[in-house]
Amino acid sequence: MKNRVLFVLFLLQATLVFGQADRVPQTAFTLMYLPVWLEAREHCLEVARAMPDSLYAYRPTPVSKSFGEQMVHIAHTVELLTKRYVQGMEVTPNTPDASKMTKAEILDLLEKGFDYTTQVIYTIGQDQLDQTCVMYHSGNTVSRAFAFFYVQDHMANHRSKANLYLRMNGIEPPEYTW
């Protein structure tokens, strides 16, 4: 009974926060996770917008990804990792070539990647979140719910590198507010 009351309170809170009763995540976990994800998404987009388009090709060392490559990597892997680990789909990496893209195209790609994962957060059910998956690099077995944290952590790792690129060019990164 207590869990049911808490879930109803979460739903009411989400309705107020997001303003749309038809856009409420399906589980207590995704209801809790959604605001965290949306904040991380917005912060990453702010970082991407902060770099002038003339510096999207900037790379601190010859072996480093360029700023644009960091952003394209985020955009592509947010969707890819969501499909692979959260949804259990077979996917093959096919990252676009950032050097052939404009800043506007990269921002659009980021939005689309984030939109994909956001839609999954809204629609995934508890039965799928309770399933497990094996993480490719570590071999660890985790729940699909936990995999959402991996998607966000991977994005944050590359976003933090992009923050450094901004600083190396004398640009103050957007303030982290969470």
C-alpha atoms as a PDB file:
ATOM      1  CA  MET A   1       0.000   0.000   0.000  1.00  0.00           C
ATOM      2  CA  LYS A   2       2.798   2.415   0.913  1.00  0.00           C
ATOM      3  CA  ASN A   3       4.503   1.838  -2.459  1.00  0.00           C
ATOM      4  CA  ARG A   4       1.241   2.493  -4.272  1.00  0.00           C
ATOM      5  CA  VAL A   5       0.734   5.772  -2.419  1.00  0.00           C
ATOM      6  CA  LEU A   6       4.292   6.839  -3.216  1.00  0.00           C
ATOM      7  CA  PHE A   7       3.809   5.972  -6.873  1.00  0.00           C
ATOM      8  CA  VAL A   8       0.586   8.023  -7.039  1.00  0.00           C
ATOM      9  CA  LEU A   9       2.418  10.946  -5.428  1.00  0.00           C
ATOM     10  CA  PHE A  10       5.184  10.596  -8.021  1.00  0.00           C
ATOM     11  CA  LEU A  11       2.609  10.621 -10.816  1.00  0.00           C
ATOM     12  CA  LEU A  12       0.948  13.736  -9.422  1.00  0.00           C
ATOM     13  CA  GLN A  13       4.316  15.438  -9.072  1.00  0.00           C
ATOM     14  CA  ALA A  14       5.247  14.524 -12.633  1.00  0.00           C
ATOM     15  CA  THR A  15       1.956  15.871 -13.934  1.00  0.00           C
ATOM     16  CA  LEU A  16       2.661  19.184 -12.237  1.00  0.00           C
ATOM     17  CA  VAL A  17       6.326  19.295 -13.234  1.00  0.00           C
ATOM     18  CA  PHE A  18       5.891  18.224 -16.838  1.00  0.00           C
ATOM     19  CA  GLY A  19       2.409  19.679 -17.322  1.00  0.00           C
ATOM     20  CA  GLN A  20       1.066  16.783 -19.362  1.00  0.00           C
ATOM     21  CA  ALA A  21      -0.736  13.848 -17.813  1.00  0.00           C
ATOM     22  CA  ASP A  22      -0.261  11.866 -21.025  1.00  0.00           C
ATOM     23  CA  ARG A  23       3.525  12.350 -20.835  1.00  0.00           C
ATOM     24  CA  VAL A  24       4.196  10.661 -17.508  1.00  0.00           C
ATOM     25  CA  PRO A  25       6.786   7.880 -17.308  1.00  0.00           C
ATOM     26  CA  GLN A  26       5.363   4.411 -16.746  1.00  0.00           C
ATOM     27  CA  THR A  27       7.405   3.382 -13.681  1.00  0.00           C
ATOM     28  CA  ALA A  28       8.543   4.801 -10.358  1.00  0.00           C
ATOM     29  CA  PHE A  29      12.147   4.466 -11.519  1.00  0.00           C
ATOM     30  CA  THR A  30      11.671   6.361 -14.794  1.00  0.00           C
ATOM     31  CA  LEU A  31       9.588   8.992 -13.018  1.00  0.00           C
ATOM     32  CA  MET A  32      12.496   9.558 -10.636  1.00  0.00           C
ATOM     33  CA  TYR A  33      15.112   9.367 -13.391  1.00  0.00           C
ATOM     34  CA  LEU A  34      13.453  11.679 -15.941  1.00  0.00           C
ATOM     35  CA  PRO A  35      14.304  15.036 -14.280  1.00  0.00           C
ATOM     36  CA  VAL A  36      17.925  13.915 -13.811  1.00  0.00           C
ATOM     37  CA  TRP A  37      18.137  12.930 -17.484  1.00  0.00           C
ATOM     38  CA  LEU A  38      16.505  16.143 -18.704  1.00  0.00           C
ATOM     39  CA  GLU A  39      18.956  18.238 -16.680  1.00  0.00           C
ATOM     40  CA  ALA A  40      21.941  16.262 -18.030  1.00  0.00           C
ATOM     41  CA  ARG A  41      20.578  16.628 -21.553  1.00  0.00           C
ATOM     42  CA  GLU A  42      20.156  20.387 -21.254  1.00  0.00           C
ATOM     43  CA  HIS A  43      23.605  20.846 -19.743  1.00  0.00           C
ATOM     44  CA  CYS A  44      25.207  18.908 -22.586  1.00  0.00           C
ATOM     45  CA  LEU A  45      23.348  21.012 -25.156  1.00  0.00           C
ATOM     46  CA  GLU A  46      24.535  24.180 -23.379  1.00  0.00           C
ATOM     47  CA  VAL A  47      28.126  22.938 -23.642  1.00  0.00           C
ATOM     48  CA  ALA A  48      27.645  22.198 -27.342  1.00  0.00           C
ATOM     49  CA  ARG A  49      26.147  25.644 -27.958  1.00  0.00           C
ATOM     50  CA  ALA A  50      28.954  27.404 -26.046  1.00  0.00           C
ATOM     51  CA  MET A  51      31.682  26.409 -28.517  1.00  0.00           C
ATOM     52  CA  PRO A  52      31.802  28.682 -31.574  1.00  0.00           C
ATOM     53  CA  ASP A  53      31.277  26.818 -34.825  1.00  0.00           C
ATOM     54  CA  SER A  54      34.756  27.907 -35.921  1.00  0.00           C
ATOM     55  CA  LEU A  55      36.224  25.813 -33.081  1.00  0.00           C
ATOM     56  CA  TYR A  56      34.244  22.604 -33.567  1.00  0.00           C
ATOM     57  CA  ALA A  57      37.319  21.111 -35.282  1.00  0.00           C
ATOM     58  CA  TYR A  58      39.536  21.987 -32.297  1.00  0.00           C
ATOM     59  CA  ARG A  59      41.403  19.042 -30.767  1.00  0.00           C
ATOM     60  CA  PRO A  60      43.884  19.455 -27.886  1.00  0.00           C
ATOM     61  CA  THR A  61      46.259  16.776 -29.210  1.00  0.00           C
ATOM     62  CA  PRO A  62      46.578  14.971 -32.537  1.00  0.00           C
ATOM     63  CA  VAL A  63      45.118  11.755 -31.071  1.00  0.00           C
ATOM     64  CA  SER A  64      42.195  13.447 -29.279  1.00  0.00           C
ATOM     65  CA  LYS A  65      38.693  13.675 -30.684  1.00  0.00           C
ATOM     66  CA  SER A  66      37.815  17.142 -31.918  1.00  0.00           C
ATOM     67  CA  PHE A  67      35.115  19.048 -30.052  1.00  0.00           C
ATOM     68  CA  GLY A  68      32.696  18.213 -32.853  1.00  0.00           C
ATOM     69  CA  GLU A  69      33.686  14.545 -32.686  1.00  0.00           C
ATOM     70  CA  GLN A  70      33.015  14.533 -28.934  1.00  0.00           C
ATOM     71  CA  MET A  71      29.528  15.934 -29.554  1.00  0.00           C
ATOM     72  CA  VAL A  72      28.783  13.546 -32.430  1.00  0.00           C
ATOM     73  CA  HIS A  73      30.028  10.655 -30.304  1.00  0.00           C
ATOM     74  CA  ILE A  74      27.630  11.691 -27.530  1.00  0.00           C
ATOM     75  CA  ALA A  75      24.742  12.104 -29.947  1.00  0.00           C
ATOM     76  CA  HIS A  76      25.309   8.748 -31.586  1.00  0.00           C
ATOM     77  CA  THR A  77      26.040   6.703 -28.473  1.00  0.00           C
ATOM     78  CA  VAL A  78      23.160   8.053 -26.390  1.00  0.00           C
ATOM     79  CA  GLU A  79      20.776   6.346 -28.804  1.00  0.00           C
ATOM     80  CA  LEU A  80      23.017   3.352 -29.501  1.00  0.00           C
ATOM     81  CA  LEU A  81      23.596   2.545 -25.800  1.00  0.00           C
ATOM     82  CA  THR A  82      19.908   3.021 -25.033  1.00  0.00           C
ATOM     83  CA  LYS A  83      18.995   0.584 -27.791  1.00  0.00           C
ATOM     84  CA  ARG A  84      21.694  -1.931 -26.850  1.00  0.00           C
ATOM     85  CA  TYR A  85      21.535  -1.973 -23.055  1.00  0.00           C
ATOM     86  CA  VAL A  86      18.157  -0.522 -22.062  1.00  0.00           C
ATOM     87  CA  GLN A  87      16.060  -1.999 -24.869  1.00  0.00           C
ATOM     88  CA  GLY A  88      18.145  -5.098 -25.596  1.00  0.00           C
ATOM     89  CA  MET A  89      18.373  -4.452 -29.329  1.00  0.00           C
ATOM     90  CA  GLU A  90      21.180  -5.588 -31.613  1.00  0.00           C
ATOM     91  CA  VAL A  91      22.889  -2.463 -32.937  1.00  0.00           C
ATOM     92  CA  THR A  92      26.010  -1.739 -34.928  1.00  0.00           C
ATOM     93  CA  PRO A  93      27.949   1.501 -34.383  1.00  0.00           C
ATOM     94  CA  ASN A  94      27.856   3.767 -37.415  1.00  0.00           C
ATOM     95  CA  THR A  95      29.011   7.149 -36.135  1.00  0.00           C
ATOM     96  CA  PRO A  96      28.633  10.050 -38.575  1.00  0.00           C
ATOM     97  CA  ASP A  97      31.758  11.940 -39.636  1.00  0.00           C
ATOM     98  CA  ALA A  98      31.812  15.125 -37.547  1.00  0.00           C
ATOM     99  CA  SER A  99      34.327  16.775 -39.897  1.00  0.00           C
ATOM    100  CA  LYS A 100      31.641  16.848 -42.588  1.00  0.00           C
ATOM    101  CA  MET A 101      28.976  18.348 -40.334  1.00  0.00           C
ATOM    102  CA  THR A 102      28.153  21.909 -39.329  1.00  0.00           C
ATOM    103  CA  LYS A 103      27.574  22.951 -35.735  1.00  0.00           C
ATOM    104  CA  ALA A 104      23.847  23.203 -36.497  1.00  0.00           C
ATOM    105  CA  GLU A 105      23.803  19.648 -37.866  1.00  0.00           C
ATOM    106  CA  ILE A 106      25.648  18.356 -34.807  1.00  0.00           C
ATOM    107  CA  LEU A 107      23.234  20.150 -32.466  1.00  0.00           C
ATOM    108  CA  ASP A 108      20.355  18.593 -34.392  1.00  0.00           C
ATOM    109  CA  LEU A 109      21.949  15.152 -34.080  1.00  0.00           C
ATOM    110  CA  LEU A 110      22.360  15.696 -30.317  1.00  0.00           C
ATOM    111  CA  GLU A 111      18.685  16.682 -29.991  1.00  0.00           C
ATOM    112  CA  LYS A 112      17.608  13.584 -31.912  1.00  0.00           C
ATOM    113  CA  GLY A 113      19.764  11.272 -29.793  1.00  0.00           C
ATOM    114  CA  PHE A 114      18.497  12.828 -26.579  1.00  0.00           C
ATOM    115  CA  ASP A 115      14.907  12.720 -27.859  1.00  0.00           C
ATOM    116  CA  TYR A 116      15.231   9.014 -28.550  1.00  0.00           C
ATOM    117  CA  THR A 117      16.384   8.199 -25.037  1.00  0.00           C
ATOM    118  CA  THR A 118      13.831  10.566 -23.496  1.00  0.00           C
ATOM    119  CA  GLN A 119      11.036   8.797 -25.362  1.00  0.00           C
ATOM    120  CA  VAL A 120      12.268   5.443 -24.050  1.00  0.00           C
ATOM    121  CA  ILE A 121      12.266   6.853 -20.510  1.00  0.00           C
ATOM    122  CA  TYR A 122       8.605   7.828 -20.962  1.00  0.00           C
ATOM    123  CA  THR A 123       7.471   4.531 -22.456  1.00  0.00           C
ATOM    124  CA  ILE A 124       9.544   1.660 -21.048  1.00  0.00           C
ATOM    125  CA  GLY A 125       7.742  -0.700 -18.687  1.00  0.00           C
ATOM    126  CA  GLN A 126       8.851  -2.215 -15.410  1.00  0.00           C
ATOM    127  CA  ASP A 127       9.077  -5.722 -16.888  1.00  0.00           C
ATOM    128  CA  GLN A 128      11.760  -4.564 -19.330  1.00  0.00           C
ATOM    129  CA  LEU A 129      13.594  -2.506 -16.677  1.00  0.00           C
ATOM    130  CA  ASP A 130      13.824  -5.609 -14.494  1.00  0.00           C
ATOM    131  CA  GLN A 131      15.531  -7.633 -17.235  1.00  0.00           C
ATOM    132  CA  THR A 132      19.308  -7.874 -17.197  1.00  0.00           C
ATOM    133  CA  CYS A 133      21.961  -7.234 -19.795  1.00  0.00           C
ATOM    134  CA  VAL A 134      25.691  -7.817 -20.003  1.00  0.00           C
ATOM    135  CA  MET A 135      27.756  -4.668 -20.440  1.00  0.00           C
ATOM    136  CA  TYR A 136      29.997  -5.019 -23.488  1.00  0.00           C
ATOM    137  CA  HIS A 137      33.236  -3.559 -22.093  1.00  0.00           C
ATOM    138  CA  SER A 138      33.121  -4.758 -18.480  1.00  0.00           C
ATOM    139  CA  GLY A 139      31.205  -8.017 -18.776  1.00  0.00           C
ATOM    140  CA  ASN A 140      29.117  -6.977 -15.760  1.00  0.00           C
ATOM    141  CA  THR A 141      25.491  -8.078 -15.621  1.00  0.00           C
ATOM    142  CA  VAL A 142      23.153  -5.220 -14.690  1.00  0.00           C
ATOM    143  CA  SER A 143      19.456  -4.427 -14.843  1.00  0.00           C
ATOM    144  CA  ARG A 144      18.201  -2.495 -17.845  1.00  0.00           C
ATOM    145  CA  ALA A 145      17.158   0.229 -15.380  1.00  0.00           C
ATOM    146  CA  PHE A 146      20.781   0.500 -14.243  1.00  0.00           C
ATOM    147  CA  ALA A 147      21.825   0.756 -17.895  1.00  0.00           C
ATOM    148  CA  PHE A 148      20.168   4.200 -18.018  1.00  0.00           C
ATOM    149  CA  PHE A 149      22.869   5.358 -15.600  1.00  0.00           C
ATOM    150  CA  TYR A 150      25.519   3.974 -17.937  1.00  0.00           C
ATOM    151  CA  VAL A 151      24.051   5.925 -20.862  1.00  0.00           C
ATOM    152  CA  GLN A 152      24.151   9.113 -18.795  1.00  0.00           C
ATOM    153  CA  ASP A 153      27.608   8.422 -17.359  1.00  0.00           C
ATOM    154  CA  HIS A 154      29.057   7.847 -20.831  1.00  0.00           C
ATOM    155  CA  MET A 155      27.529  11.102 -22.017  1.00  0.00           C
ATOM    156  CA  ALA A 156      28.854  12.967 -18.950  1.00  0.00           C
ATOM    157  CA  ASN A 157      32.348  11.583 -19.552  1.00  0.00           C
ATOM    158  CA  HIS A 158      32.497  13.027 -23.059  1.00  0.00           C
ATOM    159  CA  ARG A 159      30.711  16.232 -22.022  1.00  0.00           C
ATOM    160  CA  SER A 160      33.366  16.823 -19.350  1.00  0.00           C
ATOM    161  CA  LYS A 161      36.079  16.451 -21.990  1.00  0.00           C
ATOM    162  CA  ALA A 162      34.215  19.008 -24.099  1.00  0.00           C
ATOM    163  CA  ASN A 163      34.130  21.350 -21.074  1.00  0.00           C
ATOM    164  CA  LEU A 164      37.909  21.163 -20.956  1.00  0.00           C
ATOM    165  CA  TYR A 165      38.095  22.001 -24.676  1.00  0.00           C
ATOM    166  CA  LEU A 166      36.040  25.129 -23.969  1.00  0.00           C
ATOM    167  CA  ARG A 167      38.393  26.187 -21.155  1.00  0.00           C
ATOM    168  CA  MET A 168      41.447  25.544 -23.351  1.00  0.00           C
ATOM    169  CA  ASN A 169      39.993  28.089 -25.773  1.00  0.00           C
ATOM    170  CA  GLY A 170      39.287  30.709 -23.101  1.00  0.00           C
ATOM    171  CA  ILE A 171      35.554  29.983 -23.014  1.00  0.00           C
ATOM    172  CA  GLU A 172      33.831  29.637 -19.656  1.00  0.00           C
ATOM    173  CA  PRO A 173      31.759  26.430 -19.733  1.00  0.00           C
ATOM    174  CA  PRO A 174      28.084  26.635 -18.762  1.00  0.00           C
ATOM    175  CA  GLU A 175      27.665  26.260 -15.035  1.00  0.00           C
ATOM    176  CA  TYR A 176      26.626  22.832 -13.830  1.00  0.00           C
ATOM    177  CA  THR A 177      23.461  23.428 -11.812  1.00  0.00           C
ATOM    178  CA  TRP A 178      22.219  20.021 -10.673  1.00  0.00           C
END
